[in-house]
Protein backbone atom coordinates (compact mmCIF):
# COMPACT_ATOMS: atom_id res chain seq x y z
CA UNK A 1 105.19 116.37 98.18
CA UNK A 2 108.56 117.30 99.70
CA UNK A 3 107.51 115.84 103.06
CA UNK A 4 106.67 112.55 101.35
CA UNK A 5 110.03 112.42 99.56
CA UNK A 6 111.86 113.33 102.77
CA UNK A 7 110.04 110.66 104.79
CA UNK A 8 110.65 108.04 102.10
CA UNK A 9 114.33 108.91 101.86
CA UNK A 10 114.68 108.67 105.64
CA UNK A 11 112.91 105.29 105.63
CA UNK A 12 115.25 103.96 102.94
CA UNK A 13 118.31 105.19 104.86
CA UNK A 14 117.23 103.82 108.24
CA UNK A 15 115.63 100.51 107.33
CA UNK A 16 118.77 98.50 106.61
CA UNK A 17 117.24 95.10 107.43
CA UNK A 18 113.62 95.09 106.23
CA UNK A 19 113.26 91.45 107.25
CA UNK A 20 113.09 92.65 110.88
CA UNK A 21 109.64 93.99 109.99
CA UNK A 22 108.24 90.53 109.14
CA UNK A 23 105.43 89.54 111.45
CA UNK A 24 105.29 93.02 113.01
CA UNK A 25 101.92 94.67 112.57
CA UNK A 26 101.15 98.38 112.68
CA UNK A 27 100.14 99.66 116.10
CA UNK A 28 96.87 101.51 116.42
CA UNK A 29 96.54 104.74 118.33
CA UNK A 30 95.70 104.48 122.04
CA UNK A 31 97.21 100.98 122.21
CA UNK A 32 94.28 99.33 120.42
CA UNK A 33 94.73 96.05 118.59
CA UNK A 34 95.73 96.12 114.92
CA UNK A 35 92.96 96.49 112.40
CA UNK A 36 91.37 93.10 111.73
CA UNK A 37 90.83 94.01 108.07
CA UNK A 38 94.50 94.72 107.39
CA UNK A 39 96.58 91.58 107.75
CA UNK A 40 99.55 93.35 106.20
CA UNK A 41 102.68 93.26 108.32
CA UNK A 42 105.20 96.11 108.24
CA UNK A 43 107.47 94.20 105.87
CA UNK A 44 104.70 94.07 103.26
CA UNK A 45 103.92 97.71 103.91
CA UNK A 46 107.62 98.58 103.49
CA UNK A 47 107.67 96.77 100.14
CA UNK A 48 104.52 98.60 99.06
CA UNK A 49 105.87 102.01 100.07
CA UNK A 50 109.10 101.32 98.17
CA UNK A 51 107.13 100.21 95.10
CA UNK A 52 104.94 103.33 95.17
CA UNK A 53 107.85 105.76 95.38
CA UNK A 54 108.98 105.45 91.71
CA UNK A 55 105.39 105.90 90.55
CA UNK A 56 105.10 109.12 92.53
CA UNK A 57 108.49 110.33 91.27
CA UNK A 58 107.61 109.64 87.65
CA UNK A 59 104.30 111.36 88.07
CA UNK A 60 101.76 110.98 85.38
CA UNK A 61 104.20 110.57 82.50
CA UNK A 62 103.25 106.96 81.84
CA UNK A 63 99.55 107.71 82.31
CA UNK A 64 99.70 110.56 79.79
CA UNK A 65 101.04 108.15 77.19
CA UNK A 66 97.73 106.27 77.40
CA UNK A 67 95.52 109.37 77.11
CA UNK A 68 93.66 110.13 73.89
CA UNK A 69 95.46 112.05 71.20
CA UNK A 70 95.27 115.83 71.24
CA UNK A 71 92.76 115.82 68.38
CA UNK A 72 90.39 113.71 70.48
CA UNK A 73 90.82 116.15 73.37
CA UNK A 74 90.13 119.09 71.05
CA UNK A 75 86.95 117.40 69.84
CA UNK A 76 85.66 116.81 73.37
CA UNK A 77 86.32 120.45 74.27
CA UNK A 78 84.50 121.59 71.15
CA UNK A 79 81.52 119.48 72.19
CA UNK A 80 81.44 121.18 75.59
CA UNK A 81 82.01 117.95 77.56
CA UNK A 82 84.32 119.51 80.16
CA UNK A 83 82.60 122.62 81.45
CA UNK A 84 83.96 122.45 85.00
CA UNK A 85 87.68 121.73 84.65
CA UNK A 86 88.70 123.93 87.57
CA UNK A 87 86.44 122.07 90.01
CA UNK A 88 87.61 118.68 88.73
CA UNK A 89 91.26 119.71 88.99
CA UNK A 90 90.72 120.97 92.54
CA UNK A 91 89.06 117.68 93.49
CA UNK A 92 91.94 115.63 92.11
CA UNK A 93 94.64 117.84 93.64
CA UNK A 94 92.93 117.54 97.03
CA UNK A 95 92.76 113.77 96.58
CA UNK A 96 96.43 113.60 95.64
CA UNK A 97 97.36 115.73 98.65
CA UNK A 98 95.42 113.37 100.96
CA UNK A 99 97.10 110.30 99.45
CA UNK A 100 100.55 111.87 99.84
CA UNK A 101 99.73 112.82 103.44
CA UNK A 102 98.65 109.22 104.18
CA UNK A 103 101.75 107.80 102.49
CA UNK A 104 103.95 110.18 104.49
CA UNK A 105 102.28 109.16 107.77
CA UNK A 106 102.67 105.46 106.92
CA UNK A 107 106.30 105.94 105.97
CA UNK A 108 107.12 107.85 109.16
CA UNK A 109 105.28 105.30 111.33
CA UNK A 110 107.12 102.42 109.70
CA UNK A 111 110.49 104.11 110.18
CA UNK A 112 109.66 104.88 113.82
CA UNK A 113 108.59 101.27 114.46
CA UNK A 114 111.76 99.96 112.83
CA UNK A 115 113.84 102.16 115.16
CA UNK A 116 111.92 100.75 118.15
CA UNK A 117 112.69 97.20 116.99
CA UNK A 118 116.39 98.04 116.70
CA UNK A 119 116.35 99.55 120.20
CA UNK A 120 114.77 96.37 121.58
CA UNK A 121 117.40 94.26 119.85
CA UNK A 122 120.18 96.47 121.25
CA UNK A 123 118.72 96.30 124.77
CA UNK A 124 118.51 92.51 124.47
CA UNK A 125 122.15 92.35 123.36
CA UNK A 126 123.24 94.58 126.25
CA UNK A 127 121.44 92.40 128.81
CA UNK A 128 122.78 89.14 127.39
CA UNK A 129 126.37 90.41 127.43
CA UNK A 130 126.20 91.39 131.11
């Protein structure tokens, strides 16, 4: 979780002009073409990552407000509905860890690509001023 927050904070600090990410698509490993299924440019991905951050920070507080009342939960436990809570919790924690890992990778890749764009702009400015 800390890696995700660190990567997101770094992205927010470095990406000063998100509009530079418009029309730039994520690069695949080994120089392959971008995924044909994902037509999302890095600007849209940046917006998504920023929108997700508050949800992760808030956690499940808003979701818990929609859960059944405690008396309903007590009834379901009395009926023996949830016999394998430990296994279910482990499954969900593993899923959450994978999502956070993917979000962290996406955030770091976006930040790295933004830095490359800035370097290209700076190189172009240096050449034009010569």
